[in-house]
Amino acid sequence: KVAAHMGKEGDATPFTDVTVD
């Protein structure tokens, strides 16, 4: 969950959330 949050904040990367999930 932390990785997804960082990715979203760092760069508009919603796909990161799916990868982490």
PDB file of N, CA and C in Angstrom:
ATOM      1  N   LYS A   1       0.845  -1.191   0.000  1.00  0.00           N
ATOM      2  CA  LYS A   1       0.000   0.000   0.000  1.00  0.00           C
ATOM      3  C   LYS A   1       0.892   1.258   0.000  1.00  0.00           C
ATOM      4  N   VAL A   2       1.995   1.197   0.707  1.00  0.00           N
ATOM      5  CA  VAL A   2       2.887   2.357   0.765  1.00  0.00           C
ATOM      6  C   VAL A   2       3.452   2.656  -0.623  1.00  0.00           C
ATOM      7  N   ALA A   3       3.864   1.607  -1.323  1.00  0.00           N
ATOM      8  CA  ALA A   3       4.455   1.781  -2.656  1.00  0.00           C
ATOM      9  C   ALA A   3       3.443   2.456  -3.578  1.00  0.00           C
ATOM     10  N   ALA A   4       2.206   2.006  -3.503  1.00  0.00           N
ATOM     11  CA  ALA A   4       1.165   2.566  -4.367  1.00  0.00           C
ATOM     12  C   ALA A   4       0.995   4.053  -4.059  1.00  0.00           C
ATOM     13  N   HIS A   5       0.987   4.391  -2.781  1.00  0.00           N
ATOM     14  CA  HIS A   5       0.807   5.789  -2.383  1.00  0.00           C
ATOM     15  C   HIS A   5       1.955   6.644  -2.923  1.00  0.00           C
ATOM     16  N   MET A   6       3.178   6.147  -2.756  1.00  0.00           N
ATOM     17  CA  MET A   6       4.346   6.885  -3.228  1.00  0.00           C
ATOM     18  C   MET A   6       4.264   7.083  -4.742  1.00  0.00           C
ATOM     19  N   GLY A   7       3.946   6.019  -5.466  1.00  0.00           N
ATOM     20  CA  GLY A   7       3.865   6.115  -6.919  1.00  0.00           C
ATOM     21  C   GLY A   7       2.817   7.132  -7.340  1.00  0.00           C
ATOM     22  N   LYS A   8       1.677   7.107  -6.675  1.00  0.00           N
ATOM     23  CA  LYS A   8       0.599   8.031  -7.034  1.00  0.00           C
ATOM     24  C   LYS A   8       1.027   9.477  -6.759  1.00  0.00           C
ATOM     25  N   GLU A   9       1.692   9.674  -5.641  1.00  0.00           N
ATOM     26  CA  GLU A   9       2.110  11.030  -5.292  1.00  0.00           C
ATOM     27  C   GLU A   9       3.277  11.482  -6.177  1.00  0.00           C
ATOM     28  N   GLY A  10       4.242  10.586  -6.389  1.00  0.00           N
ATOM     29  CA  GLY A  10       5.409  10.936  -7.196  1.00  0.00           C
ATOM     30  C   GLY A  10       5.005  11.272  -8.621  1.00  0.00           C
ATOM     31  N   ASP A  11       4.247  10.378  -9.245  1.00  0.00           N
ATOM     32  CA  ASP A  11       3.819  10.598 -10.636  1.00  0.00           C
ATOM     33  C   ASP A  11       2.457   9.968 -10.854  1.00  0.00           C
ATOM     34  N   ALA A  12       1.603  10.658 -11.578  1.00  0.00           N
ATOM     35  CA  ALA A  12       0.249  10.118 -11.816  1.00  0.00           C
ATOM     36  C   ALA A  12       0.327   8.695 -12.362  1.00  0.00           C
ATOM     37  N   THR A  13       0.448   7.712 -11.473  1.00  0.00           N
ATOM     38  CA  THR A  13       0.564   6.317 -11.929  1.00  0.00           C
ATOM     39  C   THR A  13      -0.447   5.446 -11.190  1.00  0.00           C
ATOM     40  N   PRO A  14      -1.706   5.526 -11.556  1.00  0.00           N
ATOM     41  CA  PRO A  14      -2.757   4.730 -10.899  1.00  0.00           C
ATOM     42  C   PRO A  14      -2.521   3.235 -11.069  1.00  0.00           C
ATOM     43  N   PHE A  15      -1.841   2.859 -12.164  1.00  0.00           N
ATOM     44  CA  PHE A  15      -1.577   1.435 -12.422  1.00  0.00           C
ATOM     45  C   PHE A  15      -0.715   0.842 -11.301  1.00  0.00           C
ATOM     46  N   THR A  16       0.073   1.679 -10.629  1.00  0.00           N
ATOM     47  CA  THR A  16       0.920   1.190  -9.533  1.00  0.00           C
ATOM     48  C   THR A  16       0.057   0.555  -8.457  1.00  0.00           C
ATOM     49  N   ASP A  17      -1.084   1.178  -8.175  1.00  0.00           N
ATOM     50  CA  ASP A  17      -1.983   0.661  -7.138  1.00  0.00           C
ATOM     51  C   ASP A  17      -2.376  -0.774  -7.464  1.00  0.00           C
ATOM     52  N   VAL A  18      -2.682  -1.026  -8.721  1.00  0.00           N
ATOM     53  CA  VAL A  18      -3.101  -2.371  -9.135  1.00  0.00           C
ATOM     54  C   VAL A  18      -1.947  -3.355  -8.959  1.00  0.00           C
ATOM     55  N   THR A  19      -0.744  -2.930  -9.324  1.00  0.00           N
ATOM     56  CA  THR A  19       0.417  -3.818  -9.219  1.00  0.00           C
ATOM     57  C   THR A  19       0.649  -4.215  -7.764  1.00  0.00           C
ATOM     58  N   VAL A  20       0.601  -3.256  -6.869  1.00  0.00           N
ATOM     59  CA  VAL A  20       0.824  -3.532  -5.444  1.00  0.00           C
ATOM     60  C   VAL A  20      -0.284  -4.423  -4.911  1.00  0.00           C
ATOM     61  N   ASP A  21      -1.515  -4.125  -5.307  1.00  0.00           N
ATOM     62  CA  ASP A  21      -2.654  -4.892  -4.827  1.00  0.00           C
ATOM     63  C   ASP A  21      -2.500  -6.323  -5.314  1.00  0.00           C
TER      64      ASP A  21
END
